[in-house]
Amino acid sequence: MNKLTVLEVRFDFNGDRNVIFPVILSDEKENILIDCGYPNFLPLIKTTAKVNGIDISKLTKIIITHHDFDHMGALAEFKREYPHIKILASIDDEKYISGKEKSLRLQQAESIYDKLPEKEKKSAKEFQDFIGTIENVSVDVCLRDKDSFPFCGGVEIIATPGHMPGHISIYIKDSKTLIAGDALVIEDGKLTIANPQYTLDIISAKNSIKKLLNYEIDKIVCYHGGVYTKDIKKSLQKIISD
Protein backbone atom coordinates (compact mmCIF):
# COMPACT_ATOMS: atom_id res chain seq x y z
CA MET A 1 0.00 0.00 0.00
CA ASN A 2 1.34 3.42 -0.99
CA LYS A 3 1.16 6.10 1.69
CA LEU A 4 2.18 9.75 1.88
CA THR A 5 2.51 11.17 5.40
CA VAL A 6 3.03 14.88 5.99
CA LEU A 7 4.85 15.42 9.29
CA GLU A 8 3.92 18.59 11.18
CA VAL A 9 7.12 19.28 13.11
CA ARG A 10 6.66 22.13 15.60
CA PHE A 11 9.54 23.84 17.39
CA ASP A 12 10.89 27.12 18.78
CA PHE A 13 13.54 28.95 16.77
CA ASN A 14 15.06 32.29 17.80
CA GLY A 15 12.20 32.78 20.25
CA ASP A 16 9.45 32.19 17.68
CA ARG A 17 7.12 29.22 17.31
CA ASN A 18 7.75 27.52 13.97
CA VAL A 19 6.64 24.50 11.98
CA ILE A 20 8.10 22.57 9.05
CA PHE A 21 6.49 19.85 6.96
CA PRO A 22 8.81 17.00 5.96
CA VAL A 23 7.17 14.10 4.12
CA ILE A 24 7.50 10.33 4.44
CA LEU A 25 6.63 8.15 1.43
CA SER A 26 5.91 4.50 2.22
CA ASP A 27 5.14 1.29 0.39
CA GLU A 28 5.76 -2.42 1.02
CA LYS A 29 9.54 -2.03 0.60
CA GLU A 30 10.42 1.64 1.07
CA ASN A 31 10.11 4.34 3.71
CA ILE A 32 11.51 7.57 2.30
CA LEU A 33 11.92 10.82 4.23
CA ILE A 34 11.99 14.00 2.17
CA ASP A 35 14.11 16.64 3.97
CA CYS A 36 15.16 16.19 7.58
CA GLY A 37 15.09 19.50 9.42
CA TYR A 38 17.59 21.61 11.34
CA PRO A 39 20.62 20.30 13.25
CA ASN A 40 19.63 18.13 16.25
CA PHE A 41 16.15 17.47 14.83
CA LEU A 42 16.42 13.68 14.73
CA PRO A 43 14.61 13.19 18.09
CA LEU A 44 11.88 15.66 17.13
CA ILE A 45 11.27 14.05 13.75
CA LYS A 46 11.40 10.59 15.33
CA THR A 47 8.72 11.61 17.85
CA THR A 48 6.51 13.25 15.22
CA ALA A 49 6.80 10.21 12.97
CA LYS A 50 5.89 7.91 15.86
CA VAL A 51 2.71 9.92 16.49
CA ASN A 52 1.87 9.17 12.84
CA GLY A 53 2.54 5.45 13.31
CA ILE A 54 5.94 5.45 11.59
CA ASP A 55 9.13 3.94 12.98
CA ILE A 56 12.03 6.14 11.80
CA SER A 57 14.46 3.23 12.15
CA LYS A 58 12.65 1.64 9.19
CA LEU A 59 13.63 4.48 6.84
CA THR A 60 15.35 3.26 3.67
CA LYS A 61 16.15 6.57 1.97
CA ILE A 62 16.32 10.31 2.58
CA ILE A 63 15.83 12.68 -0.34
CA ILE A 64 17.20 16.20 0.14
CA THR A 65 15.50 18.88 -1.99
CA HIS A 66 18.42 21.30 -1.52
CA HIS A 67 21.28 21.96 0.88
CA ASP A 68 19.84 24.71 3.10
CA PHE A 69 20.45 24.10 6.81
CA ASP A 70 16.76 23.59 7.64
CA HIS A 71 16.47 20.82 5.05
CA MET A 72 19.72 18.88 5.60
CA GLY A 73 20.76 20.05 9.07
CA ALA A 74 20.02 16.70 10.74
CA LEU A 75 21.24 14.54 7.85
CA ALA A 76 24.51 13.51 9.50
CA GLU A 77 22.62 12.56 12.68
CA PHE A 78 20.30 10.30 10.69
CA LYS A 79 23.21 8.69 8.88
CA ARG A 80 25.10 8.03 12.13
CA GLU A 81 22.05 6.57 13.86
CA TYR A 82 20.84 4.60 10.83
CA PRO A 83 23.83 3.97 8.54
CA HIS A 84 21.75 1.76 6.22
CA ILE A 85 19.79 4.80 4.96
CA LYS A 86 20.68 5.86 1.41
CA ILE A 87 21.00 9.60 0.74
CA LEU A 88 19.59 10.98 -2.53
CA ALA A 89 20.02 14.53 -3.84
CA SER A 90 20.34 16.41 -7.10
CA ILE A 91 23.54 16.05 -9.07
CA ASP A 92 23.96 19.84 -8.85
CA ASP A 93 23.62 19.88 -5.05
CA GLU A 94 25.79 16.85 -4.29
CA LYS A 95 29.01 18.89 -4.08
CA TYR A 96 27.54 21.16 -1.39
CA ILE A 97 25.93 18.39 0.66
CA SER A 98 29.14 16.36 0.63
CA GLY A 99 31.31 19.40 1.41
CA LYS A 100 33.30 19.37 -1.81
CA GLU A 101 32.28 23.01 -2.26
CA LYS A 102 31.21 25.73 0.18
CA SER A 103 27.49 26.10 0.84
CA LEU A 104 25.83 28.61 -1.47
CA ARG A 105 23.96 30.03 1.52
CA LEU A 106 27.26 30.65 3.28
CA GLN A 107 28.69 32.22 0.12
CA GLN A 108 25.65 34.51 -0.05
CA ALA A 109 26.01 35.50 3.61
CA GLU A 110 29.71 36.24 3.20
CA SER A 111 29.17 38.26 0.02
CA ILE A 112 26.79 40.75 1.67
CA TYR A 113 28.56 41.00 5.03
CA ASP A 114 30.72 44.07 4.29
CA LYS A 115 27.69 46.03 3.02
CA LEU A 116 25.65 45.51 6.19
CA PRO A 117 25.17 48.24 8.81
CA GLU A 118 27.54 47.76 11.74
CA LYS A 119 24.66 46.97 14.11
CA GLU A 120 23.71 43.94 11.95
CA LYS A 121 27.19 42.49 11.57
CA LYS A 122 27.30 40.59 14.85
CA SER A 123 24.16 38.57 14.09
CA ALA A 124 25.28 38.15 10.47
CA LYS A 125 28.58 36.67 11.62
CA GLU A 126 26.73 34.35 14.00
CA PHE A 127 24.59 33.20 11.06
CA GLN A 128 27.73 32.46 9.02
CA ASP A 129 29.23 30.53 11.92
CA PHE A 130 26.00 28.56 12.30
CA ILE A 131 25.95 27.54 8.63
CA GLY A 132 29.57 26.50 9.00
CA THR A 133 28.57 23.98 11.68
CA ILE A 134 26.30 21.98 9.33
CA GLU A 135 27.86 18.55 8.91
CA ASN A 136 28.49 17.25 5.42
CA VAL A 137 27.28 13.84 4.28
CA SER A 138 28.15 11.75 1.24
CA VAL A 139 25.36 11.39 -1.32
CA ASP A 140 24.68 7.82 -2.42
CA VAL A 141 22.50 8.55 -5.45
CA CYS A 142 22.61 11.69 -7.60
CA LEU A 143 19.28 12.68 -9.10
CA ARG A 144 18.57 14.34 -12.44
CA ASP A 145 15.55 16.09 -13.90
CA LYS A 146 12.84 13.61 -14.96
CA ASP A 147 14.41 10.66 -13.16
CA SER A 148 11.60 8.22 -12.36
CA PHE A 149 11.35 5.53 -9.70
CA PRO A 150 8.68 2.84 -9.20
CA PHE A 151 8.43 3.15 -5.43
CA CYS A 152 5.50 4.67 -3.53
CA GLY A 153 3.13 4.88 -6.48
CA GLY A 154 5.67 6.20 -8.94
CA VAL A 155 7.97 9.13 -8.25
CA GLU A 156 9.38 11.68 -10.69
CA ILE A 157 12.18 14.10 -9.87
CA ILE A 158 11.61 17.64 -11.15
CA ALA A 159 14.52 20.07 -11.30
CA THR A 160 13.14 23.33 -9.87
CA PRO A 161 16.10 25.74 -9.71
CA GLY A 162 15.66 29.25 -8.38
CA HIS A 163 15.67 29.11 -4.59
CA MET A 164 18.97 27.30 -5.19
CA PRO A 165 20.41 26.10 -8.53
CA GLY A 166 20.28 22.44 -7.52
CA HIS A 167 16.79 22.50 -6.01
CA ILE A 168 14.50 19.59 -6.81
CA SER A 169 10.83 18.86 -6.21
CA ILE A 170 9.23 15.43 -6.16
CA TYR A 171 6.05 14.45 -8.01
CA ILE A 172 4.05 11.46 -6.76
CA LYS A 173 2.21 10.09 -9.76
CA ASP A 174 -0.59 8.03 -8.23
CA SER A 175 -1.80 10.79 -5.88
CA LYS A 176 -0.87 13.70 -8.20
CA THR A 177 1.00 15.29 -5.31
CA LEU A 178 3.92 17.70 -5.63
CA ILE A 179 6.40 17.84 -2.77
CA ALA A 180 7.71 21.31 -3.45
CA GLY A 181 10.57 21.75 -0.98
CA ASP A 182 11.20 25.51 -1.09
CA ALA A 183 10.20 25.97 -4.74
CA LEU A 184 6.89 27.16 -3.27
CA VAL A 185 5.70 28.23 0.17
CA ILE A 186 2.33 29.06 1.69
CA GLU A 187 2.05 32.52 3.27
CA ASP A 188 -1.23 33.91 4.62
CA GLY A 189 -3.04 31.03 2.95
CA LYS A 190 -1.60 31.84 -0.48
CA LEU A 191 0.87 29.94 -2.62
CA THR A 192 3.97 31.98 -3.44
CA ILE A 193 7.72 31.92 -4.06
CA ALA A 194 9.94 31.57 -1.01
CA ASN A 195 11.36 34.76 0.52
CA PRO A 196 13.17 36.59 -2.34
CA GLN A 197 15.99 37.43 0.09
CA TYR A 198 16.84 33.73 0.17
CA THR A 199 15.87 32.83 -3.41
CA LEU A 200 19.12 33.06 -5.33
CA ASP A 201 17.54 33.49 -8.79
CA ILE A 202 13.96 34.78 -9.00
CA ILE A 203 13.76 34.40 -12.79
CA SER A 204 14.76 30.75 -12.57
CA ALA A 205 12.28 30.27 -9.71
CA LYS A 206 9.42 31.56 -11.87
CA ASN A 207 10.55 29.45 -14.82
CA SER A 208 10.46 26.42 -12.53
CA ILE A 209 6.87 27.25 -11.61
CA LYS A 210 5.99 27.50 -15.32
CA LYS A 211 7.41 24.01 -15.67
CA LEU A 212 5.08 22.74 -12.95
CA LEU A 213 2.08 23.71 -15.09
CA ASN A 214 2.93 20.69 -17.26
CA TYR A 215 1.97 18.37 -14.40
CA GLU A 216 -1.49 17.40 -13.19
CA ILE A 217 -1.28 18.42 -9.54
CA ASP A 218 -4.09 17.93 -7.02
CA LYS A 219 -2.03 18.64 -3.91
CA ILE A 220 1.15 20.58 -3.10
CA VAL A 221 3.13 19.99 0.08
CA CYS A 222 5.29 23.00 0.97
CA TYR A 223 8.07 22.55 3.53
CA HIS A 224 7.07 25.95 4.87
CA GLY A 225 3.30 26.17 4.98
CA GLY A 226 2.03 22.62 4.64
CA VAL A 227 -0.62 21.30 2.26
CA TYR A 228 -2.24 23.37 -0.50
CA THR A 229 -5.14 22.11 -2.64
CA LYS A 230 -7.10 25.19 -3.77
CA ASP A 231 -7.11 26.23 -7.47
CA ILE A 232 -3.54 25.04 -7.95
CA LYS A 233 -3.12 25.85 -11.63
CA LYS A 234 -4.63 29.31 -11.17
CA SER A 235 -2.39 29.93 -8.15
CA LEU A 236 0.73 28.93 -10.09
CA GLN A 237 -0.24 31.14 -13.02
CA LYS A 238 -0.71 34.11 -10.67
CA ILE A 239 2.80 33.66 -9.25
CA ILE A 240 4.23 33.66 -12.77
CA SER A 241 2.34 36.80 -13.81
CA ASP A 242 3.09 38.84 -10.66
C-alpha atoms as a PDB file:
ATOM      1  CA  MET A   1       0.000   0.000   0.000  1.00  0.00           C
ATOM      2  CA  ASN A   2       1.339   3.422  -0.988  1.00  0.00           C
ATOM      3  CA  LYS A   3       1.164   6.097   1.686  1.00  0.00           C
ATOM      4  CA  LEU A   4       2.182   9.746   1.884  1.00  0.00           C
ATOM      5  CA  THR A   5       2.506  11.166   5.397  1.00  0.00           C
ATOM      6  CA  VAL A   6       3.035  14.878   5.993  1.00  0.00           C
ATOM      7  CA  LEU A   7       4.846  15.424   9.294  1.00  0.00           C
ATOM      8  CA  GLU A   8       3.916  18.588  11.178  1.00  0.00           C
ATOM      9  CA  VAL A   9       7.117  19.282  13.112  1.00  0.00           C
ATOM     10  CA  ARG A  10       6.655  22.135  15.604  1.00  0.00           C
ATOM     11  CA  PHE A  11       9.542  23.836  17.393  1.00  0.00           C
ATOM     12  CA  ASP A  12      10.888  27.117  18.777  1.00  0.00           C
ATOM     13  CA  PHE A  13      13.544  28.955  16.772  1.00  0.00           C
ATOM     14  CA  ASN A  14      15.060  32.288  17.804  1.00  0.00           C
ATOM     15  CA  GLY A  15      12.198  32.776  20.246  1.00  0.00           C
ATOM     16  CA  ASP A  16       9.453  32.186  17.681  1.00  0.00           C
ATOM     17  CA  ARG A  17       7.115  29.221  17.311  1.00  0.00           C
ATOM     18  CA  ASN A  18       7.754  27.521  13.970  1.00  0.00           C
ATOM     19  CA  VAL A  19       6.640  24.498  11.980  1.00  0.00           C
ATOM     20  CA  ILE A  20       8.098  22.568   9.054  1.00  0.00           C
ATOM     21  CA  PHE A  21       6.489  19.846   6.956  1.00  0.00           C
ATOM     22  CA  PRO A  22       8.814  16.996   5.958  1.00  0.00           C
ATOM     23  CA  VAL A  23       7.168  14.097   4.121  1.00  0.00           C
ATOM     24  CA  ILE A  24       7.499  10.328   4.439  1.00  0.00           C
ATOM     25  CA  LEU A  25       6.631   8.148   1.426  1.00  0.00           C
ATOM     26  CA  SER A  26       5.911   4.502   2.225  1.00  0.00           C
ATOM     27  CA  ASP A  27       5.138   1.286   0.385  1.00  0.00           C
ATOM     28  CA  GLU A  28       5.758  -2.421   1.015  1.00  0.00           C
ATOM     29  CA  LYS A  29       9.535  -2.029   0.595  1.00  0.00           C
ATOM     30  CA  GLU A  30      10.419   1.643   1.068  1.00  0.00           C
ATOM     31  CA  ASN A  31      10.112   4.341   3.711  1.00  0.00           C
ATOM     32  CA  ILE A  32      11.512   7.574   2.298  1.00  0.00           C
ATOM     33  CA  LEU A  33      11.920  10.821   4.229  1.00  0.00           C
ATOM     34  CA  ILE A  34      11.993  14.003   2.174  1.00  0.00           C
ATOM     35  CA  ASP A  35      14.109  16.635   3.965  1.00  0.00           C
ATOM     36  CA  CYS A  36      15.162  16.189   7.584  1.00  0.00           C
ATOM     37  CA  GLY A  37      15.091  19.504   9.425  1.00  0.00           C
ATOM     38  CA  TYR A  38      17.586  21.612  11.342  1.00  0.00           C
ATOM     39  CA  PRO A  39      20.616  20.296  13.255  1.00  0.00           C
ATOM     40  CA  ASN A  40      19.626  18.132  16.253  1.00  0.00           C
ATOM     41  CA  PHE A  41      16.151  17.470  14.829  1.00  0.00           C
ATOM     42  CA  LEU A  42      16.422  13.682  14.729  1.00  0.00           C
ATOM     43  CA  PRO A  43      14.610  13.191  18.087  1.00  0.00           C
ATOM     44  CA  LEU A  44      11.877  15.664  17.130  1.00  0.00           C
ATOM     45  CA  ILE A  45      11.269  14.045  13.746  1.00  0.00           C
ATOM     46  CA  LYS A  46      11.400  10.591  15.328  1.00  0.00           C
ATOM     47  CA  THR A  47       8.718  11.608  17.847  1.00  0.00           C
ATOM     48  CA  THR A  48       6.507  13.250  15.220  1.00  0.00           C
ATOM     49  CA  ALA A  49       6.804  10.213  12.967  1.00  0.00           C
ATOM     50  CA  LYS A  50       5.894   7.907  15.862  1.00  0.00           C
ATOM     51  CA  VAL A  51       2.712   9.915  16.486  1.00  0.00           C
ATOM     52  CA  ASN A  52       1.875   9.171  12.839  1.00  0.00           C
ATOM     53  CA  GLY A  53       2.538   5.450  13.307  1.00  0.00           C
ATOM     54  CA  ILE A  54       5.937   5.452  11.592  1.00  0.00           C
ATOM     55  CA  ASP A  55       9.133   3.939  12.982  1.00  0.00           C
ATOM     56  CA  ILE A  56      12.028   6.136  11.805  1.00  0.00           C
ATOM     57  CA  SER A  57      14.460   3.228  12.149  1.00  0.00           C
ATOM     58  CA  LYS A  58      12.651   1.640   9.191  1.00  0.00           C
ATOM     59  CA  LEU A  59      13.634   4.482   6.839  1.00  0.00           C
ATOM     60  CA  THR A  60      15.352   3.261   3.671  1.00  0.00           C
ATOM     61  CA  LYS A  61      16.148   6.573   1.971  1.00  0.00           C
ATOM     62  CA  ILE A  62      16.323  10.306   2.584  1.00  0.00           C
ATOM     63  CA  ILE A  63      15.827  12.679  -0.343  1.00  0.00           C
ATOM     64  CA  ILE A  64      17.198  16.203   0.142  1.00  0.00           C
ATOM     65  CA  THR A  65      15.497  18.875  -1.992  1.00  0.00           C
ATOM     66  CA  HIS A  66      18.425  21.302  -1.515  1.00  0.00           C
ATOM     67  CA  HIS A  67      21.279  21.963   0.883  1.00  0.00           C
ATOM     68  CA  ASP A  68      19.837  24.711   3.100  1.00  0.00           C
ATOM     69  CA  PHE A  69      20.446  24.096   6.808  1.00  0.00           C
ATOM     70  CA  ASP A  70      16.762  23.592   7.639  1.00  0.00           C
ATOM     71  CA  HIS A  71      16.470  20.816   5.050  1.00  0.00           C
ATOM     72  CA  MET A  72      19.718  18.881   5.596  1.00  0.00           C
ATOM     73  CA  GLY A  73      20.763  20.045   9.070  1.00  0.00           C
ATOM     74  CA  ALA A  74      20.018  16.699  10.742  1.00  0.00           C
ATOM     75  CA  LEU A  75      21.237  14.544   7.849  1.00  0.00           C
ATOM     76  CA  ALA A  76      24.512  13.506   9.502  1.00  0.00           C
ATOM     77  CA  GLU A  77      22.616  12.561  12.678  1.00  0.00           C
ATOM     78  CA  PHE A  78      20.295  10.302  10.686  1.00  0.00           C
ATOM     79  CA  LYS A  79      23.214   8.693   8.878  1.00  0.00           C
ATOM     80  CA  ARG A  80      25.105   8.029  12.125  1.00  0.00           C
ATOM     81  CA  GLU A  81      22.053   6.571  13.860  1.00  0.00           C
ATOM     82  CA  TYR A  82      20.838   4.604  10.828  1.00  0.00           C
ATOM     83  CA  PRO A  83      23.828   3.966   8.537  1.00  0.00           C
ATOM     84  CA  HIS A  84      21.750   1.765   6.217  1.00  0.00           C
ATOM     85  CA  ILE A  85      19.795   4.802   4.961  1.00  0.00           C
ATOM     86  CA  LYS A  86      20.685   5.858   1.408  1.00  0.00           C
ATOM     87  CA  ILE A  87      20.999   9.596   0.739  1.00  0.00           C
ATOM     88  CA  LEU A  88      19.595  10.977  -2.527  1.00  0.00           C
ATOM     89  CA  ALA A  89      20.017  14.529  -3.836  1.00  0.00           C
ATOM     90  CA  SER A  90      20.338  16.410  -7.100  1.00  0.00           C
ATOM     91  CA  ILE A  91      23.542  16.048  -9.066  1.00  0.00           C
ATOM     92  CA  ASP A  92      23.960  19.838  -8.851  1.00  0.00           C
ATOM     93  CA  ASP A  93      23.623  19.879  -5.053  1.00  0.00           C
ATOM     94  CA  GLU A  94      25.793  16.851  -4.291  1.00  0.00           C
ATOM     95  CA  LYS A  95      29.006  18.887  -4.082  1.00  0.00           C
ATOM     96  CA  TYR A  96      27.539  21.158  -1.392  1.00  0.00           C
ATOM     97  CA  ILE A  97      25.926  18.392   0.660  1.00  0.00           C
ATOM     98  CA  SER A  98      29.140  16.359   0.625  1.00  0.00           C
ATOM     99  CA  GLY A  99      31.315  19.397   1.414  1.00  0.00           C
ATOM    100  CA  LYS A 100      33.301  19.374  -1.815  1.00  0.00           C
ATOM    101  CA  GLU A 101      32.276  23.014  -2.262  1.00  0.00           C
ATOM    102  CA  LYS A 102      31.212  25.732   0.178  1.00  0.00           C
ATOM    103  CA  SER A 103      27.492  26.097   0.840  1.00  0.00           C
ATOM    104  CA  LEU A 104      25.825  28.607  -1.466  1.00  0.00           C
ATOM    105  CA  ARG A 105      23.956  30.031   1.518  1.00  0.00           C
ATOM    106  CA  LEU A 106      27.263  30.653   3.282  1.00  0.00           C
ATOM    107  CA  GLN A 107      28.690  32.218   0.117  1.00  0.00           C
ATOM    108  CA  GLN A 108      25.649  34.507  -0.051  1.00  0.00           C
ATOM    109  CA  ALA A 109      26.006  35.499   3.612  1.00  0.00           C
ATOM    110  CA  GLU A 110      29.707  36.242   3.197  1.00  0.00           C
ATOM    111  CA  SER A 111      29.166  38.261   0.018  1.00  0.00           C
ATOM    112  CA  ILE A 112      26.790  40.754   1.669  1.00  0.00           C
ATOM    113  CA  TYR A 113      28.559  40.999   5.025  1.00  0.00           C
ATOM    114  CA  ASP A 114      30.722  44.068   4.288  1.00  0.00           C
ATOM    115  CA  LYS A 115      27.690  46.028   3.019  1.00  0.00           C
ATOM    116  CA  LEU A 116      25.653  45.508   6.185  1.00  0.00           C
ATOM    117  CA  PRO A 117      25.171  48.242   8.814  1.00  0.00           C
ATOM    118  CA  GLU A 118      27.540  47.764  11.742  1.00  0.00           C
ATOM    119  CA  LYS A 119      24.655  46.965  14.105  1.00  0.00           C
ATOM    120  CA  GLU A 120      23.708  43.942  11.947  1.00  0.00           C
ATOM    121  CA  LYS A 121      27.194  42.489  11.565  1.00  0.00           C
ATOM    122  CA  LYS A 122      27.296  40.590  14.849  1.00  0.00           C
ATOM    123  CA  SER A 123      24.162  38.568  14.086  1.00  0.00           C
ATOM    124  CA  ALA A 124      25.281  38.148  10.466  1.00  0.00           C
ATOM    125  CA  LYS A 125      28.584  36.669  11.619  1.00  0.00           C
ATOM    126  CA  GLU A 126      26.734  34.351  13.999  1.00  0.00           C
ATOM    127  CA  PHE A 127      24.595  33.197  11.056  1.00  0.00           C
ATOM    128  CA  GLN A 128      27.728  32.465   9.018  1.00  0.00           C
ATOM    129  CA  ASP A 129      29.226  30.535  11.922  1.00  0.00           C
ATOM    130  CA  PHE A 130      25.998  28.558  12.298  1.00  0.00           C
ATOM    131  CA  ILE A 131      25.954  27.540   8.625  1.00  0.00           C
ATOM    132  CA  GLY A 132      29.570  26.496   8.997  1.00  0.00           C
ATOM    133  CA  THR A 133      28.567  23.977  11.681  1.00  0.00           C
ATOM    134  CA  ILE A 134      26.302  21.984   9.330  1.00  0.00           C
ATOM    135  CA  GLU A 135      27.857  18.552   8.912  1.00  0.00           C
ATOM    136  CA  ASN A 136      28.494  17.252   5.419  1.00  0.00           C
ATOM    137  CA  VAL A 137      27.282  13.842   4.284  1.00  0.00           C
ATOM    138  CA  SER A 138      28.146  11.749   1.243  1.00  0.00           C
ATOM    139  CA  VAL A 139      25.364  11.388  -1.317  1.00  0.00           C
ATOM    140  CA  ASP A 140      24.682   7.818  -2.416  1.00  0.00           C
ATOM    141  CA  VAL A 141      22.498   8.546  -5.448  1.00  0.00           C
ATOM    142  CA  CYS A 142      22.615  11.694  -7.601  1.00  0.00           C
ATOM    143  CA  LEU A 143      19.275  12.676  -9.103  1.00  0.00           C
ATOM    144  CA  ARG A 144      18.566  14.342 -12.437  1.00  0.00           C
ATOM    145  CA  ASP A 145      15.547  16.094 -13.898  1.00  0.00           C
ATOM    146  CA  LYS A 146      12.839  13.610 -14.962  1.00  0.00           C
ATOM    147  CA  ASP A 147      14.415  10.655 -13.161  1.00  0.00           C
ATOM    148  CA  SER A 148      11.605   8.220 -12.356  1.00  0.00           C
ATOM    149  CA  PHE A 149      11.353   5.526  -9.701  1.00  0.00           C
ATOM    150  CA  PRO A 150       8.683   2.845  -9.199  1.00  0.00           C
ATOM    151  CA  PHE A 151       8.426   3.152  -5.434  1.00  0.00           C
ATOM    152  CA  CYS A 152       5.503   4.668  -3.528  1.00  0.00           C
ATOM    153  CA  GLY A 153       3.128   4.878  -6.476  1.00  0.00           C
ATOM    154  CA  GLY A 154       5.668   6.205  -8.945  1.00  0.00           C
ATOM    155  CA  VAL A 155       7.974   9.129  -8.249  1.00  0.00           C
ATOM    156  CA  GLU A 156       9.384  11.679 -10.695  1.00  0.00           C
ATOM    157  CA  ILE A 157      12.184  14.103  -9.874  1.00  0.00           C
ATOM    158  CA  ILE A 158      11.614  17.643 -11.153  1.00  0.00           C
ATOM    159  CA  ALA A 159      14.521  20.071 -11.295  1.00  0.00           C
ATOM    160  CA  THR A 160      13.144  23.330  -9.865  1.00  0.00           C
ATOM    161  CA  PRO A 161      16.098  25.736  -9.710  1.00  0.00           C
ATOM    162  CA  GLY A 162      15.664  29.246  -8.379  1.00  0.00           C
ATOM    163  CA  HIS A 163      15.673  29.111  -4.595  1.00  0.00           C
ATOM    164  CA  MET A 164      18.966  27.298  -5.186  1.00  0.00           C
ATOM    165  CA  PRO A 165      20.406  26.104  -8.527  1.00  0.00           C
ATOM    166  CA  GLY A 166      20.281  22.436  -7.525  1.00  0.00           C
ATOM    167  CA  HIS A 167      16.794  22.504  -6.006  1.00  0.00           C
ATOM    168  CA  ILE A 168      14.497  19.586  -6.814  1.00  0.00           C
ATOM    169  CA  SER A 169      10.834  18.861  -6.212  1.00  0.00           C
ATOM    170  CA  ILE A 170       9.233  15.429  -6.156  1.00  0.00           C
ATOM    171  CA  TYR A 171       6.049  14.452  -8.015  1.00  0.00           C
ATOM    172  CA  ILE A 172       4.054  11.463  -6.757  1.00  0.00           C
ATOM    173  CA  LYS A 173       2.209  10.089  -9.756  1.00  0.00           C
ATOM    174  CA  ASP A 174      -0.593   8.033  -8.231  1.00  0.00           C
ATOM    175  CA  SER A 175      -1.799  10.787  -5.884  1.00  0.00           C
ATOM    176  CA  LYS A 176      -0.866  13.699  -8.198  1.00  0.00           C
ATOM    177  CA  THR A 177       1.001  15.288  -5.311  1.00  0.00           C
ATOM    178  CA  LEU A 178       3.919  17.701  -5.626  1.00  0.00           C
ATOM    179  CA  ILE A 179       6.401  17.838  -2.769  1.00  0.00           C
ATOM    180  CA  ALA A 180       7.711  21.311  -3.453  1.00  0.00           C
ATOM    181  CA  GLY A 181      10.566  21.750  -0.976  1.00  0.00           C
ATOM    182  CA  ASP A 182      11.199  25.507  -1.090  1.00  0.00           C
ATOM    183  CA  ALA A 183      10.200  25.973  -4.735  1.00  0.00           C
ATOM    184  CA  LEU A 184       6.889  27.156  -3.268  1.00  0.00           C
ATOM    185  CA  VAL A 185       5.701  28.226   0.172  1.00  0.00           C
ATOM    186  CA  ILE A 186       2.331  29.062   1.695  1.00  0.00           C
ATOM    187  CA  GLU A 187       2.049  32.518   3.271  1.00  0.00           C
ATOM    188  CA  ASP A 188      -1.229  33.912   4.624  1.00  0.00           C
ATOM    189  CA  GLY A 189      -3.044  31.032   2.946  1.00  0.00           C
ATOM    190  CA  LYS A 190      -1.600  31.838  -0.479  1.00  0.00           C
ATOM    191  CA  LEU A 191       0.866  29.936  -2.615  1.00  0.00           C
ATOM    192  CA  THR A 192       3.973  31.981  -3.437  1.00  0.00           C
ATOM    193  CA  ILE A 193       7.725  31.916  -4.064  1.00  0.00           C
ATOM    194  CA  ALA A 194       9.944  31.570  -1.006  1.00  0.00           C
ATOM    195  CA  ASN A 195      11.364  34.764   0.521  1.00  0.00           C
ATOM    196  CA  PRO A 196      13.172  36.587  -2.344  1.00  0.00           C
ATOM    197  CA  GLN A 197      15.988  37.431   0.091  1.00  0.00           C
ATOM    198  CA  TYR A 198      16.839  33.727   0.166  1.00  0.00           C
ATOM    199  CA  THR A 199      15.868  32.831  -3.407  1.00  0.00           C
ATOM    200  CA  LEU A 200      19.120  33.058  -5.327  1.00  0.00           C
ATOM    201  CA  ASP A 201      17.536  33.487  -8.788  1.00  0.00           C
ATOM    202  CA  ILE A 202      13.956  34.783  -9.000  1.00  0.00           C
ATOM    203  CA  ILE A 203      13.761  34.404 -12.793  1.00  0.00           C
ATOM    204  CA  SER A 204      14.764  30.745 -12.566  1.00  0.00           C
ATOM    205  CA  ALA A 205      12.285  30.270  -9.711  1.00  0.00           C
ATOM    206  CA  LYS A 206       9.419  31.565 -11.874  1.00  0.00           C
ATOM    207  CA  ASN A 207      10.554  29.451 -14.817  1.00  0.00           C
ATOM    208  CA  SER A 208      10.456  26.423 -12.529  1.00  0.00           C
ATOM    209  CA  ILE A 209       6.867  27.254 -11.608  1.00  0.00           C
ATOM    210  CA  LYS A 210       5.991  27.504 -15.316  1.00  0.00           C
ATOM    211  CA  LYS A 211       7.408  24.011 -15.672  1.00  0.00           C
ATOM    212  CA  LEU A 212       5.077  22.739 -12.950  1.00  0.00           C
ATOM    213  CA  LEU A 213       2.079  23.709 -15.095  1.00  0.00           C
ATOM    214  CA  ASN A 214       2.930  20.687 -17.263  1.00  0.00           C
ATOM    215  CA  TYR A 215       1.968  18.372 -14.397  1.00  0.00           C
ATOM    216  CA  GLU A 216      -1.489  17.404 -13.192  1.00  0.00           C
ATOM    217  CA  ILE A 217      -1.281  18.422  -9.536  1.00  0.00           C
ATOM    218  CA  ASP A 218      -4.089  17.925  -7.018  1.00  0.00           C
ATOM    219  CA  LYS A 219      -2.031  18.644  -3.907  1.00  0.00           C
ATOM    220  CA  ILE A 220       1.149  20.579  -3.102  1.00  0.00           C
ATOM    221  CA  VAL A 221       3.130  19.994   0.083  1.00  0.00           C
ATOM    222  CA  CYS A 222       5.293  22.999   0.970  1.00  0.00           C
ATOM    223  CA  TYR A 223       8.068  22.547   3.533  1.00  0.00           C
ATOM    224  CA  HIS A 224       7.074  25.950   4.871  1.00  0.00           C
ATOM    225  CA  GLY A 225       3.300  26.173   4.979  1.00  0.00           C
ATOM    226  CA  GLY A 226       2.031  22.620   4.643  1.00  0.00           C
ATOM    227  CA  VAL A 227      -0.623  21.300   2.264  1.00  0.00           C
ATOM    228  CA  TYR A 228      -2.241  23.370  -0.499  1.00  0.00           C
ATOM    229  CA  THR A 229      -5.145  22.106  -2.645  1.00  0.00           C
ATOM    230  CA  LYS A 230      -7.095  25.191  -3.771  1.00  0.00           C
ATOM    231  CA  ASP A 231      -7.111  26.229  -7.473  1.00  0.00           C
ATOM    232  CA  ILE A 232      -3.544  25.039  -7.948  1.00  0.00           C
ATOM    233  CA  LYS A 233      -3.123  25.847 -11.634  1.00  0.00           C
ATOM    234  CA  LYS A 234      -4.634  29.306 -11.169  1.00  0.00           C
ATOM    235  CA  SER A 235      -2.392  29.934  -8.149  1.00  0.00           C
ATOM    236  CA  LEU A 236       0.731  28.926 -10.088  1.00  0.00           C
ATOM    237  CA  GLN A 237      -0.244  31.144 -13.017  1.00  0.00           C
ATOM    238  CA  LYS A 238      -0.713  34.106 -10.666  1.00  0.00           C
ATOM    239  CA  ILE A 239       2.801  33.662  -9.248  1.00  0.00           C
ATOM    240  CA  ILE A 240       4.227  33.655 -12.770  1.00  0.00           C
ATOM    241  CA  SER A 241       2.344  36.796 -13.809  1.00  0.00           C
ATOM    242  CA  ASP A 242       3.092  38.842 -10.663  1.00  0.00           C
END
